[in-house]
């Protein structure tokens, strides 16, 4: 009996000892501190809105071209017997400069024959008047007039044997050489006027609307030449009354007077150069310029208000240079969020960053 009692007490004692040990271990452990399971709020930056008059500048690009381009052709036939040293592509020539000469021998002969014909006609008319022959007098007068016209034509042809530059120009192309035989109407050179240059700038219809009041305003042209960015002064000359069918833009023309004159410009503006133009546009009233990062789909922005995001639709009147000009949908003092989060929605809780 005693053995049975001992056998029953041993497991019970083990169980009691285990319970006591467990209670001691639980009582001796450190108390766990409460942990806040809430996620931290995303931080955003915002720009405070101040409405004012915002200046508008339109930036466009184009090539410098000549105001006048001429395909210079020979008006007589003959062999080229002299060529000016400056008659080379890229050279500048002044108005009236003789570029080349065509052999004048045939035209000098034609002039001499016309003058001889005039002398003969004068003698015949004098004889007719002396004899008082009315029919011969009328014929003689007509012969004299015809001889004078032939002289004028011969003098003109002789003058045309010297081919001259009709205006200050840059020689774009030389089409004949010394000793070459040319015919009437054959092109000898292509000239580009150096007095006035133009730049045709492609501008969207929306941007062109800002330029209508700026005709005649100064325009700044710029281009990178070597290590420095050079600038030239131009004038907004005209806005073409058409839309290009291929590109759907409106050509805007700016003009540069005497592009090669270093007394007017710090540096020469060569024809054919690709330049950037900054066009002054009409300013927008009661507007604000903001970074493009504030703009979301459907031309909407998020405004920080009482710790949450509020979406607002806005009116964008101009986009350029990483900025947008907004003139509707925002109130003074609105804090427009410029940070782009992966997820942004109406009522989202965020925290405004001090930066």
C-alpha atoms as a PDB file:
ATOM      1  CA  UNK A   1       0.000   0.000   0.000  1.00  0.00           C
ATOM      2  CA  UNK A   2       2.779   2.350   0.890  1.00  0.00           C
ATOM      3  CA  UNK A   3       4.505   1.601  -2.377  1.00  0.00           C
ATOM      4  CA  UNK A   4       1.395   2.446  -4.324  1.00  0.00           C
ATOM      5  CA  UNK A   5       1.056   5.718  -2.452  1.00  0.00           C
ATOM      6  CA  UNK A   6       4.682   6.656  -3.202  1.00  0.00           C
ATOM      7  CA  UNK A   7       4.267   5.813  -6.852  1.00  0.00           C
ATOM      8  CA  UNK A   8       1.233   8.104  -7.069  1.00  0.00           C
ATOM      9  CA  UNK A   9       2.911  10.963  -5.186  1.00  0.00           C
ATOM     10  CA  UNK A  10       6.067  11.119  -7.356  1.00  0.00           C
ATOM     11  CA  UNK A  11       4.284  12.242 -10.609  1.00  0.00           C
ATOM     12  CA  UNK A  12       2.133  14.633  -8.632  1.00  0.00           C
ATOM     13  CA  UNK A  13       5.218  16.174  -7.027  1.00  0.00           C
ATOM     14  CA  UNK A  14       6.856  16.551 -10.395  1.00  0.00           C
ATOM     15  CA  UNK A  15       3.810  18.328 -11.770  1.00  0.00           C
ATOM     16  CA  UNK A  16       3.630  20.656  -8.743  1.00  0.00           C
ATOM     17  CA  UNK A  17       7.353  21.454  -9.042  1.00  0.00           C
ATOM     18  CA  UNK A  18       6.956  22.255 -12.748  1.00  0.00           C
ATOM     19  CA  UNK A  19       4.036  24.568 -12.061  1.00  0.00           C
ATOM     20  CA  UNK A  20       5.981  26.357  -9.322  1.00  0.00           C
ATOM     21  CA  UNK A  21       9.035  26.714 -11.592  1.00  0.00           C
ATOM     22  CA  UNK A  22       6.884  28.119 -14.412  1.00  0.00           C
ATOM     23  CA  UNK A  23       5.298  30.642 -12.085  1.00  0.00           C
ATOM     24  CA  UNK A  24       8.723  31.741 -10.864  1.00  0.00           C
ATOM     25  CA  UNK A  25       9.984  32.176 -14.416  1.00  0.00           C
ATOM     26  CA  UNK A  26       6.941  34.193 -15.531  1.00  0.00           C
ATOM     27  CA  UNK A  27       7.169  36.401 -12.508  1.00  0.00           C
ATOM     28  CA  UNK A  28      10.864  37.122 -13.004  1.00  0.00           C
ATOM     29  CA  UNK A  29      10.735  38.233 -16.689  1.00  0.00           C
ATOM     30  CA  UNK A  30      10.918  41.952 -17.641  1.00  0.00           C
ATOM     31  CA  UNK A  31       7.693  43.737 -18.400  1.00  0.00           C
ATOM     32  CA  UNK A  32       7.174  44.319 -22.165  1.00  0.00           C
ATOM     33  CA  UNK A  33       6.803  47.931 -23.209  1.00  0.00           C
ATOM     34  CA  UNK A  34       3.749  48.782 -25.330  1.00  0.00           C
ATOM     35  CA  UNK A  35       4.535  49.314 -29.046  1.00  0.00           C
ATOM     36  CA  UNK A  36       2.606  51.715 -31.257  1.00  0.00           C
ATOM     37  CA  UNK A  37       1.514  49.697 -34.283  1.00  0.00           C
ATOM     38  CA  UNK A  38       0.559  52.808 -36.377  1.00  0.00           C
ATOM     39  CA  UNK A  39       2.674  53.435 -39.526  1.00  0.00           C
ATOM     40  CA  UNK A  40       4.534  56.815 -39.864  1.00  0.00           C
ATOM     41  CA  UNK A  41       2.822  59.373 -42.138  1.00  0.00           C
ATOM     42  CA  UNK A  42       4.500  60.216 -45.476  1.00  0.00           C
ATOM     43  CA  UNK A  43       6.246  63.578 -45.583  1.00  0.00           C
ATOM     44  CA  UNK A  44       5.497  66.057 -48.387  1.00  0.00           C
ATOM     45  CA  UNK A  45       6.683  69.509 -49.370  1.00  0.00           C
ATOM     46  CA  UNK A  46       4.360  72.305 -50.456  1.00  0.00           C
ATOM     47  CA  UNK A  47       4.510  75.684 -52.163  1.00  0.00           C
ATOM     48  CA  UNK A  48       2.312  78.482 -50.836  1.00  0.00           C
ATOM     49  CA  UNK A  49       0.265  80.257 -53.504  1.00  0.00           C
ATOM     50  CA  UNK A  50       0.625  84.005 -54.037  1.00  0.00           C
ATOM     51  CA  UNK A  51      -1.375  85.377 -56.964  1.00  0.00           C
ATOM     52  CA  UNK A  52       0.231  88.168 -59.004  1.00  0.00           C
ATOM     53  CA  UNK A  53       1.040  89.210 -62.583  1.00  0.00           C
ATOM     54  CA  UNK A  54       3.268  86.530 -64.106  1.00  0.00           C
ATOM     55  CA  UNK A  55       5.519  87.432 -67.089  1.00  0.00           C
ATOM     56  CA  UNK A  56       5.488  84.998 -70.003  1.00  0.00           C
ATOM     57  CA  UNK A  57       8.478  84.117 -72.195  1.00  0.00           C
ATOM     58  CA  UNK A  58       8.209  81.842 -75.208  1.00  0.00           C
ATOM     59  CA  UNK A  59      11.345  79.868 -76.061  1.00  0.00           C
ATOM     60  CA  UNK A  60      11.668  78.581 -79.631  1.00  0.00           C
ATOM     61  CA  UNK A  61      14.448  77.470 -81.965  1.00  0.00           C
ATOM     62  CA  UNK A  62      15.230  78.066 -85.625  1.00  0.00           C
ATOM     63  CA  UNK A  63      17.893  78.651 -88.285  1.00  0.00           C
ATOM     64  CA  UNK A  64      19.231  82.064 -89.272  1.00  0.00           C
ATOM     65  CA  UNK A  65      18.378  82.745 -92.920  1.00  0.00           C
ATOM     66  CA  UNK A  66      18.832  85.665 -95.289  1.00  0.00           C
ATOM     67  CA  UNK A  67      15.982  88.090 -95.846  1.00  0.00           C
ATOM     68  CA  UNK A  68      16.723  88.036 -99.602  1.00  0.00           C
ATOM     69  CA  UNK A  69      18.138  85.147-101.607  1.00  0.00           C
ATOM     70  CA  UNK A  70      19.048  85.529-105.271  1.00  0.00           C
ATOM     71  CA  UNK A  71      20.000  83.084-107.992  1.00  0.00           C
ATOM     72  CA  UNK A  72      22.289  85.379-110.001  1.00  0.00           C
ATOM     73  CA  UNK A  73      22.268  84.539-113.733  1.00  0.00           C
ATOM     74  CA  UNK A  74      24.130  85.772-116.793  1.00  0.00           C
ATOM     75  CA  UNK A  75      22.162  88.072-119.103  1.00  0.00           C
ATOM     76  CA  UNK A  76      24.564  87.624-122.023  1.00  0.00           C
ATOM     77  CA  UNK A  77      26.403  84.772-123.720  1.00  0.00           C
ATOM     78  CA  UNK A  78      30.170  84.388-123.796  1.00  0.00           C
ATOM     79  CA  UNK A  79      33.294  83.058-122.135  1.00  0.00           C
ATOM     80  CA  UNK A  80      34.319  84.045-118.591  1.00  0.00           C
ATOM     81  CA  UNK A  81      37.581  85.970-118.945  1.00  0.00           C
ATOM     82  CA  UNK A  82      38.007  87.265-115.379  1.00  0.00           C
ATOM     83  CA  UNK A  83      36.888  86.196-111.887  1.00  0.00           C
ATOM     84  CA  UNK A  84      37.153  88.341-108.753  1.00  0.00           C
ATOM     85  CA  UNK A  85      39.357  86.957-105.941  1.00  0.00           C
ATOM     86  CA  UNK A  86      36.425  87.186-103.499  1.00  0.00           C
ATOM     87  CA  UNK A  87      34.155  85.207-105.808  1.00  0.00           C
ATOM     88  CA  UNK A  88      34.222  82.163-103.515  1.00  0.00           C
ATOM     89  CA  UNK A  89      31.534  80.430-101.404  1.00  0.00           C
ATOM     90  CA  UNK A  90      31.285  82.012 -97.956  1.00  0.00           C
ATOM     91  CA  UNK A  91      32.912  85.316 -98.957  1.00  0.00           C
ATOM     92  CA  UNK A  92      31.186  88.641 -98.296  1.00  0.00           C
ATOM     93  CA  UNK A  93      30.845  91.206-101.093  1.00  0.00           C
ATOM     94  CA  UNK A  94      29.456  94.712-101.196  1.00  0.00           C
ATOM     95  CA  UNK A  95      26.747  95.932-103.536  1.00  0.00           C
ATOM     96  CA  UNK A  96      28.182  96.775-106.962  1.00  0.00           C
ATOM     97  CA  UNK A  97      31.226  94.517-106.638  1.00  0.00           C
ATOM     98  CA  UNK A  98      32.182  92.972-110.010  1.00  0.00           C
ATOM     99  CA  UNK A  99      32.200  89.217-109.517  1.00  0.00           C
ATOM    100  CA  UNK A 100      33.205  88.134-113.023  1.00  0.00           C
ATOM    101  CA  UNK A 101      33.555  89.417-116.582  1.00  0.00           C
ATOM    102  CA  UNK A 102      32.408  87.840-119.818  1.00  0.00           C
ATOM    103  CA  UNK A 103      34.371  88.434-123.040  1.00  0.00           C
ATOM    104  CA  UNK A 104      33.000  91.811-124.279  1.00  0.00           C
ATOM    105  CA  UNK A 105      34.382  91.684-127.854  1.00  0.00           C
ATOM    106  CA  UNK A 106      31.144  90.729-129.601  1.00  0.00           C
ATOM    107  CA  UNK A 107      29.196  93.339-127.634  1.00  0.00           C
ATOM    108  CA  UNK A 108      31.720  96.098-128.322  1.00  0.00           C
ATOM    109  CA  UNK A 109      31.398  95.248-132.024  1.00  0.00           C
ATOM    110  CA  UNK A 110      27.589  95.340-131.816  1.00  0.00           C
ATOM    111  CA  UNK A 111      27.778  98.771-130.156  1.00  0.00           C
ATOM    112  CA  UNK A 112      30.107 100.107-132.851  1.00  0.00           C
ATOM    113  CA  UNK A 113      27.805  98.809-135.591  1.00  0.00           C
ATOM    114  CA  UNK A 114      24.779 100.407-133.923  1.00  0.00           C
ATOM    115  CA  UNK A 115      26.556 103.764-133.727  1.00  0.00           C
ATOM    116  CA  UNK A 116      27.577 103.489-137.391  1.00  0.00           C
ATOM    117  CA  UNK A 117      23.974 102.737-138.310  1.00  0.00           C
ATOM    118  CA  UNK A 118      22.880 105.855-136.453  1.00  0.00           C
ATOM    119  CA  UNK A 119      25.383 107.986-138.347  1.00  0.00           C
ATOM    120  CA  UNK A 120      24.164 106.562-141.678  1.00  0.00           C
ATOM    121  CA  UNK A 121      20.546 107.204-140.700  1.00  0.00           C
ATOM    122  CA  UNK A 122      21.357 110.815-139.787  1.00  0.00           C
ATOM    123  CA  UNK A 123      22.996 111.372-143.197  1.00  0.00           C
ATOM    124  CA  UNK A 124      20.034 109.842-145.020  1.00  0.00           C
ATOM    125  CA  UNK A 125      17.605 112.028-143.074  1.00  0.00           C
ATOM    126  CA  UNK A 126      19.646 115.156-143.847  1.00  0.00           C
ATOM    127  CA  UNK A 127      19.589 114.343-147.577  1.00  0.00           C
ATOM    128  CA  UNK A 128      15.825 113.731-147.488  1.00  0.00           C
ATOM    129  CA  UNK A 129      15.220 117.064-145.806  1.00  0.00           C
ATOM    130  CA  UNK A 130      17.443 118.843-148.275  1.00  0.00           C
ATOM    131  CA  UNK A 131      15.447 117.372-151.143  1.00  0.00           C
ATOM    132  CA  UNK A 132      12.187 117.905-149.264  1.00  0.00           C
ATOM    133  CA  UNK A 133      11.130 114.345-149.802  1.00  0.00           C
ATOM    134  CA  UNK A 134       8.460 113.802-147.150  1.00  0.00           C
ATOM    135  CA  UNK A 135       8.305 110.012-147.471  1.00  0.00           C
ATOM    136  CA  UNK A 136      12.061 109.709-147.117  1.00  0.00           C
ATOM    137  CA  UNK A 137      12.045 112.114-144.187  1.00  0.00           C
ATOM    138  CA  UNK A 138       9.559 109.910-142.284  1.00  0.00           C
ATOM    139  CA  UNK A 139      11.561 106.786-143.063  1.00  0.00           C
ATOM    140  CA  UNK A 140      14.783 108.477-142.015  1.00  0.00           C
ATOM    141  CA  UNK A 141      13.339 109.512-138.656  1.00  0.00           C
ATOM    142  CA  UNK A 142      12.215 105.927-138.007  1.00  0.00           C
ATOM    143  CA  UNK A 143      15.659 104.625-138.945  1.00  0.00           C
ATOM    144  CA  UNK A 144      17.287 107.039-136.526  1.00  0.00           C
ATOM    145  CA  UNK A 145      15.005 105.931-133.682  1.00  0.00           C
ATOM    146  CA  UNK A 146      15.724 102.281-134.456  1.00  0.00           C
ATOM    147  CA  UNK A 147      19.455 102.956-134.487  1.00  0.00           C
ATOM    148  CA  UNK A 148      19.238 104.693-131.107  1.00  0.00           C
ATOM    149  CA  UNK A 149      17.380 101.697-129.648  1.00  0.00           C
ATOM    150  CA  UNK A 150      20.048  99.355-131.007  1.00  0.00           C
ATOM    151  CA  UNK A 151      22.724 101.508-129.388  1.00  0.00           C
ATOM    152  CA  UNK A 152      20.880 101.382-126.041  1.00  0.00           C
ATOM    153  CA  UNK A 153      20.551  97.597-126.321  1.00  0.00           C
ATOM    154  CA  UNK A 154      24.227  97.198-127.284  1.00  0.00           C
ATOM    155  CA  UNK A 155      25.330  99.408-124.367  1.00  0.00           C
ATOM    156  CA  UNK A 156      23.149  97.384-121.998  1.00  0.00           C
ATOM    157  CA  UNK A 157      24.547  94.076-123.273  1.00  0.00           C
ATOM    158  CA  UNK A 158      28.080  95.418-122.938  1.00  0.00           C
ATOM    159  CA  UNK A 159      27.355  96.476-119.355  1.00  0.00           C
ATOM    160  CA  UNK A 160      25.973  92.981-118.638  1.00  0.00           C
ATOM    161  CA  UNK A 161      29.361  91.448-119.484  1.00  0.00           C
ATOM    162  CA  UNK A 162      30.340  92.590-115.974  1.00  0.00           C
ATOM    163  CA  UNK A 163      28.251  90.587-113.500  1.00  0.00           C
ATOM    164  CA  UNK A 164      27.919  92.546-110.245  1.00  0.00           C
ATOM    165  CA  UNK A 165      26.499  91.883-106.799  1.00  0.00           C
ATOM    166  CA  UNK A 166      23.141  93.747-106.647  1.00  0.00           C
ATOM    167  CA  UNK A 167      23.276  94.087-102.845  1.00  0.00           C
ATOM    168  CA  UNK A 168      25.568  93.433 -99.896  1.00  0.00           C
ATOM    169  CA  UNK A 169      25.733  89.668 -99.837  1.00  0.00           C
ATOM    170  CA  UNK A 170      27.372  86.439 -98.808  1.00  0.00           C
ATOM    171  CA  UNK A 171      28.225  84.146-101.712  1.00  0.00           C
ATOM    172  CA  UNK A 172      26.400  80.914-100.965  1.00  0.00           C
ATOM    173  CA  UNK A 173      27.299  79.047-104.153  1.00  0.00           C
ATOM    174  CA  UNK A 174      29.711  79.638-107.058  1.00  0.00           C
ATOM    175  CA  UNK A 175      28.419  78.000-110.257  1.00  0.00           C
ATOM    176  CA  UNK A 176      30.992  79.012-112.923  1.00  0.00           C
ATOM    177  CA  UNK A 177      34.755  79.111-113.220  1.00  0.00           C
ATOM    178  CA  UNK A 178      37.337  81.110-115.166  1.00  0.00           C
ATOM    179  CA  UNK A 179      37.337  80.161-118.846  1.00  0.00           C
ATOM    180  CA  UNK A 180      33.879  78.601-118.761  1.00  0.00           C
ATOM    181  CA  UNK A 181      31.399  79.409-121.544  1.00  0.00           C
ATOM    182  CA  UNK A 182      28.055  80.666-120.213  1.00  0.00           C
ATOM    183  CA  UNK A 183      24.732  81.214-121.922  1.00  0.00           C
ATOM    184  CA  UNK A 184      22.044  83.807-121.353  1.00  0.00           C
ATOM    185  CA  UNK A 185      20.002  82.851-118.284  1.00  0.00           C
ATOM    186  CA  UNK A 186      22.598  80.430-116.918  1.00  0.00           C
ATOM    187  CA  UNK A 187      23.056  80.696-113.091  1.00  0.00           C
ATOM    188  CA  UNK A 188      26.502  81.866-112.060  1.00  0.00           C
ATOM    189  CA  UNK A 189      26.094  82.239-108.284  1.00  0.00           C
ATOM    190  CA  UNK A 190      23.625  82.144-105.414  1.00  0.00           C
ATOM    191  CA  UNK A 191      23.733  85.217-103.154  1.00  0.00           C
ATOM    192  CA  UNK A 192      22.388  85.714 -99.643  1.00  0.00           C
ATOM    193  CA  UNK A 193      21.694  89.261 -98.485  1.00  0.00           C
ATOM    194  CA  UNK A 194      23.905  90.222 -95.549  1.00  0.00           C
ATOM    195  CA  UNK A 195      21.980  93.378 -94.595  1.00  0.00           C
ATOM    196  CA  UNK A 196      19.017  91.658 -92.962  1.00  0.00           C
ATOM    197  CA  UNK A 197      18.681  88.179 -91.466  1.00  0.00           C
ATOM    198  CA  UNK A 198      15.562  86.345 -90.354  1.00  0.00           C
ATOM    199  CA  UNK A 199      14.775  83.450 -88.035  1.00  0.00           C
ATOM    200  CA  UNK A 200      11.548  81.515 -88.554  1.00  0.00           C
ATOM    201  CA  UNK A 201      10.389  80.101 -85.220  1.00  0.00           C
ATOM    202  CA  UNK A 202       7.755  77.375 -84.828  1.00  0.00           C
ATOM    203  CA  UNK A 203       5.262  78.375 -82.115  1.00  0.00           C
ATOM    204  CA  UNK A 204       2.110  76.566 -81.047  1.00  0.00           C
ATOM    205  CA  UNK A 205      -1.215  78.395 -81.509  1.00  0.00           C
ATOM    206  CA  UNK A 206      -1.574  78.636 -77.704  1.00  0.00           C
ATOM    207  CA  UNK A 207       1.837  80.316 -77.392  1.00  0.00           C
ATOM    208  CA  UNK A 208       1.204  82.588 -80.393  1.00  0.00           C
ATOM    209  CA  UNK A 209      -1.726  84.102 -78.513  1.00  0.00           C
ATOM    210  CA  UNK A 210       0.727  85.609 -76.003  1.00  0.00           C
ATOM    211  CA  UNK A 211       2.746  87.288 -78.798  1.00  0.00           C
ATOM    212  CA  UNK A 212       0.095  89.264 -80.686  1.00  0.00           C
ATOM    213  CA  UNK A 213       0.648  92.362 -78.557  1.00  0.00           C
ATOM    214  CA  UNK A 214       4.459  92.059 -78.760  1.00  0.00           C
ATOM    215  CA  UNK A 215       5.078  92.831 -82.450  1.00  0.00           C
ATOM    216  CA  UNK A 216       8.115  95.080 -82.739  1.00  0.00           C
ATOM    217  CA  UNK A 217       9.386  94.046 -79.298  1.00  0.00           C
ATOM    218  CA  UNK A 218      13.064  93.138 -78.797  1.00  0.00           C
ATOM    219  CA  UNK A 219      13.992  89.463 -78.934  1.00  0.00           C
ATOM    220  CA  UNK A 220      17.151  87.809 -77.608  1.00  0.00           C
ATOM    221  CA  UNK A 221      18.837  85.191 -79.799  1.00  0.00           C
ATOM    222  CA  UNK A 222      21.485  82.918 -78.337  1.00  0.00           C
ATOM    223  CA  UNK A 223      23.728  80.068 -79.457  1.00  0.00           C
ATOM    224  CA  UNK A 224      26.676  78.124 -78.076  1.00  0.00           C
ATOM    225  CA  UNK A 225      29.813  79.046 -80.009  1.00  0.00           C
ATOM    226  CA  UNK A 226      32.940  77.438 -78.632  1.00  0.00           C
ATOM    227  CA  UNK A 227      32.995  77.643 -74.856  1.00  0.00           C
ATOM    228  CA  UNK A 228      30.728  80.665 -74.606  1.00  0.00           C
ATOM    229  CA  UNK A 229      27.058  81.293 -75.193  1.00  0.00           C
ATOM    230  CA  UNK A 230      26.731  84.292 -77.520  1.00  0.00           C
ATOM    231  CA  UNK A 231      23.690  86.579 -77.774  1.00  0.00           C
ATOM    232  CA  UNK A 232      22.281  88.881 -80.456  1.00  0.00           C
ATOM    233  CA  UNK A 233      19.475  91.434 -80.454  1.00  0.00           C
ATOM    234  CA  UNK A 234      16.573  90.924 -82.843  1.00  0.00           C
ATOM    235  CA  UNK A 235      13.032  92.237 -83.354  1.00  0.00           C
ATOM    236  CA  UNK A 236       9.739  90.368 -83.430  1.00  0.00           C
ATOM    237  CA  UNK A 237       8.761  91.202 -87.004  1.00  0.00           C
ATOM    238  CA  UNK A 238       5.561  89.306 -87.797  1.00  0.00           C
ATOM    239  CA  UNK A 239       3.316  86.354 -87.011  1.00  0.00           C
ATOM    240  CA  UNK A 240       2.222  84.503 -90.114  1.00  0.00           C
ATOM    241  CA  UNK A 241      -1.537  84.222 -90.602  1.00  0.00           C
ATOM    242  CA  UNK A 242      -1.442  80.482 -91.188  1.00  0.00           C
ATOM    243  CA  UNK A 243      -0.852  77.163 -89.440  1.00  0.00           C
ATOM    244  CA  UNK A 244       1.703  74.817 -90.965  1.00  0.00           C
ATOM    245  CA  UNK A 245      -0.233  71.762 -92.099  1.00  0.00           C
ATOM    246  CA  UNK A 246       2.592  69.312 -91.386  1.00  0.00           C
ATOM    247  CA  UNK A 247       3.718  70.456 -87.929  1.00  0.00           C
ATOM    248  CA  UNK A 248       0.551  72.297 -86.780  1.00  0.00           C
ATOM    249  CA  UNK A 249       2.573  75.305 -85.611  1.00  0.00           C
ATOM    250  CA  UNK A 250       2.427  78.997 -86.494  1.00  0.00           C
ATOM    251  CA  UNK A 251       5.632  80.483 -87.998  1.00  0.00           C
ATOM    252  CA  UNK A 252       6.848  83.554 -86.112  1.00  0.00           C
ATOM    253  CA  UNK A 253       9.496  85.698 -87.827  1.00  0.00           C
ATOM    254  CA  UNK A 254      12.180  87.666 -85.996  1.00  0.00           C
ATOM    255  CA  UNK A 255      14.537  89.987 -87.849  1.00  0.00           C
ATOM    256  CA  UNK A 256      18.179  90.904 -87.258  1.00  0.00           C
ATOM    257  CA  UNK A 257      19.593  94.038 -88.848  1.00  0.00           C
ATOM    258  CA  UNK A 258      23.172  93.876 -90.208  1.00  0.00           C
ATOM    259  CA  UNK A 259      24.013  90.483 -88.632  1.00  0.00           C
ATOM    260  CA  UNK A 260      27.693  90.775 -89.660  1.00  0.00           C
ATOM    261  CA  UNK A 261      28.204  94.307 -88.317  1.00  0.00           C
ATOM    262  CA  UNK A 262      30.358  94.060 -85.174  1.00  0.00           C
ATOM    263  CA  UNK A 263      29.575  97.700 -84.393  1.00  0.00           C
ATOM    264  CA  UNK A 264      25.965  96.662 -83.838  1.00  0.00           C
ATOM    265  CA  UNK A 265      26.543  93.193 -82.395  1.00  0.00           C
ATOM    266  CA  UNK A 266      29.275  91.903 -80.110  1.00  0.00           C
ATOM    267  CA  UNK A 267      29.806  88.979 -82.481  1.00  0.00           C
ATOM    268  CA  UNK A 268      28.885  88.252 -86.073  1.00  0.00           C
ATOM    269  CA  UNK A 269      25.720  86.206 -86.557  1.00  0.00           C
ATOM    270  CA  UNK A 270      26.467  83.776 -89.404  1.00  0.00           C
ATOM    271  CA  UNK A 271      23.695  82.726 -91.741  1.00  0.00           C
ATOM    272  CA  UNK A 272      22.607  79.132 -91.220  1.00  0.00           C
ATOM    273  CA  UNK A 273      23.330  79.122 -87.471  1.00  0.00           C
ATOM    274  CA  UNK A 274      20.801  77.267 -85.265  1.00  0.00           C
ATOM    275  CA  UNK A 275      19.741  79.631 -82.473  1.00  0.00           C
ATOM    276  CA  UNK A 276      17.447  79.794 -79.470  1.00  0.00           C
ATOM    277  CA  UNK A 277      15.042  82.734 -79.284  1.00  0.00           C
ATOM    278  CA  UNK A 278      13.386  84.122 -76.155  1.00  0.00           C
ATOM    279  CA  UNK A 279      10.189  85.905 -77.168  1.00  0.00           C
ATOM    280  CA  UNK A 280       8.471  88.308 -74.751  1.00  0.00           C
ATOM    281  CA  UNK A 281       4.813  87.388 -74.254  1.00  0.00           C
ATOM    282  CA  UNK A 282       1.906  89.259 -72.744  1.00  0.00           C
ATOM    283  CA  UNK A 283       1.887  88.743 -68.922  1.00  0.00           C
ATOM    284  CA  UNK A 284      -0.899  86.807 -67.188  1.00  0.00           C
ATOM    285  CA  UNK A 285      -2.727  88.536 -64.333  1.00  0.00           C
ATOM    286  CA  UNK A 286      -3.823  86.890 -61.046  1.00  0.00           C
ATOM    287  CA  UNK A 287      -1.685  83.828 -61.688  1.00  0.00           C
ATOM    288  CA  UNK A 288       1.096  81.818 -60.086  1.00  0.00           C
ATOM    289  CA  UNK A 289       4.101  79.992 -61.549  1.00  0.00           C
ATOM    290  CA  UNK A 290       4.686  76.565 -59.977  1.00  0.00           C
ATOM    291  CA  UNK A 291       6.966  73.574 -60.638  1.00  0.00           C
ATOM    292  CA  UNK A 292       5.581  71.083 -63.147  1.00  0.00           C
ATOM    293  CA  UNK A 293       5.774  68.389 -60.442  1.00  0.00           C
ATOM    294  CA  UNK A 294       2.624  69.794 -58.795  1.00  0.00           C
ATOM    295  CA  UNK A 295       0.474  68.901 -61.805  1.00  0.00           C
ATOM    296  CA  UNK A 296      -1.356  65.562 -61.935  1.00  0.00           C
ATOM    297  CA  UNK A 297      -3.783  63.957 -64.372  1.00  0.00           C
ATOM    298  CA  UNK A 298      -6.694  66.060 -65.637  1.00  0.00           C
ATOM    299  CA  UNK A 299      -4.769  69.242 -64.737  1.00  0.00           C
ATOM    300  CA  UNK A 300      -5.311  68.797 -61.018  1.00  0.00           C
ATOM    301  CA  UNK A 301      -3.116  69.489 -57.981  1.00  0.00           C
ATOM    302  CA  UNK A 302      -3.104  68.329 -54.369  1.00  0.00           C
ATOM    303  CA  UNK A 303      -3.374  70.941 -51.640  1.00  0.00           C
ATOM    304  CA  UNK A 304      -2.281  70.291 -48.033  1.00  0.00           C
ATOM    305  CA  UNK A 305      -5.151  71.165 -45.699  1.00  0.00           C
ATOM    306  CA  UNK A 306      -5.525  70.160 -42.009  1.00  0.00           C
ATOM    307  CA  UNK A 307      -3.138  67.231 -42.337  1.00  0.00           C
ATOM    308  CA  UNK A 308      -4.734  65.657 -45.414  1.00  0.00           C
ATOM    309  CA  UNK A 309      -4.541  65.990 -49.198  1.00  0.00           C
ATOM    310  CA  UNK A 310      -7.302  67.818 -51.084  1.00  0.00           C
ATOM    311  CA  UNK A 311      -7.490  67.614 -54.893  1.00  0.00           C
ATOM    312  CA  UNK A 312      -8.226  70.759 -56.923  1.00  0.00           C
ATOM    313  CA  UNK A 313      -8.746  71.201 -60.665  1.00  0.00           C
ATOM    314  CA  UNK A 314      -6.767  74.154 -62.051  1.00  0.00           C
ATOM    315  CA  UNK A 315      -6.498  76.196 -65.264  1.00  0.00           C
ATOM    316  CA  UNK A 316      -3.032  75.950 -66.854  1.00  0.00           C
ATOM    317  CA  UNK A 317      -2.308  78.738 -69.361  1.00  0.00           C
ATOM    318  CA  UNK A 318       1.381  78.110 -70.061  1.00  0.00           C
ATOM    319  CA  UNK A 319       3.926  75.301 -69.693  1.00  0.00           C
ATOM    320  CA  UNK A 320       7.652  75.821 -70.214  1.00  0.00           C
ATOM    321  CA  UNK A 321      11.030  75.175 -68.638  1.00  0.00           C
ATOM    322  CA  UNK A 322       9.808  72.722 -66.008  1.00  0.00           C
ATOM    323  CA  UNK A 323       7.168  75.156 -64.735  1.00  0.00           C
ATOM    324  CA  UNK A 324       3.464  75.800 -65.264  1.00  0.00           C
ATOM    325  CA  UNK A 325       1.501  79.033 -65.011  1.00  0.00           C
ATOM    326  CA  UNK A 326      -1.901  78.599 -63.323  1.00  0.00           C
ATOM    327  CA  UNK A 327      -4.531  81.334 -63.380  1.00  0.00           C
ATOM    328  CA  UNK A 328      -7.579  79.553 -62.023  1.00  0.00           C
ATOM    329  CA  UNK A 329      -8.605  77.007 -59.371  1.00  0.00           C
ATOM    330  CA  UNK A 330      -6.252  78.120 -56.597  1.00  0.00           C
ATOM    331  CA  UNK A 331      -6.757  80.601 -53.763  1.00  0.00           C
ATOM    332  CA  UNK A 332      -4.118  82.795 -52.142  1.00  0.00           C
ATOM    333  CA  UNK A 333      -2.498  80.928 -49.277  1.00  0.00           C
ATOM    334  CA  UNK A 334      -3.168  77.446 -50.674  1.00  0.00           C
ATOM    335  CA  UNK A 335      -0.272  75.104 -50.002  1.00  0.00           C
ATOM    336  CA  UNK A 336       0.200  73.130 -53.207  1.00  0.00           C
ATOM    337  CA  UNK A 337       2.022  69.806 -52.715  1.00  0.00           C
ATOM    338  CA  UNK A 338       5.104  69.533 -54.940  1.00  0.00           C
ATOM    339  CA  UNK A 339       6.215  66.064 -53.748  1.00  0.00           C
ATOM    340  CA  UNK A 340       5.220  63.127 -55.971  1.00  0.00           C
ATOM    341  CA  UNK A 341       4.298  60.041 -53.904  1.00  0.00           C
ATOM    342  CA  UNK A 342       3.698  56.616 -55.404  1.00  0.00           C
ATOM    343  CA  UNK A 343       0.108  56.816 -54.163  1.00  0.00           C
ATOM    344  CA  UNK A 344      -1.837  60.053 -53.637  1.00  0.00           C
ATOM    345  CA  UNK A 345      -5.587  60.367 -53.160  1.00  0.00           C
ATOM    346  CA  UNK A 346      -8.246  62.687 -51.756  1.00  0.00           C
ATOM    347  CA  UNK A 347      -8.275  62.659 -47.945  1.00  0.00           C
ATOM    348  CA  UNK A 348      -4.892  60.930 -47.593  1.00  0.00           C
ATOM    349  CA  UNK A 349      -3.157  61.796 -44.321  1.00  0.00           C
ATOM    350  CA  UNK A 350       0.311  63.273 -44.757  1.00  0.00           C
ATOM    351  CA  UNK A 351       2.778  65.293 -42.759  1.00  0.00           C
ATOM    352  CA  UNK A 352       4.182  68.579 -44.038  1.00  0.00           C
ATOM    353  CA  UNK A 353       7.946  68.632 -44.242  1.00  0.00           C
ATOM    354  CA  UNK A 354       9.787  71.668 -42.908  1.00  0.00           C
ATOM    355  CA  UNK A 355      11.905  71.754 -46.089  1.00  0.00           C
END
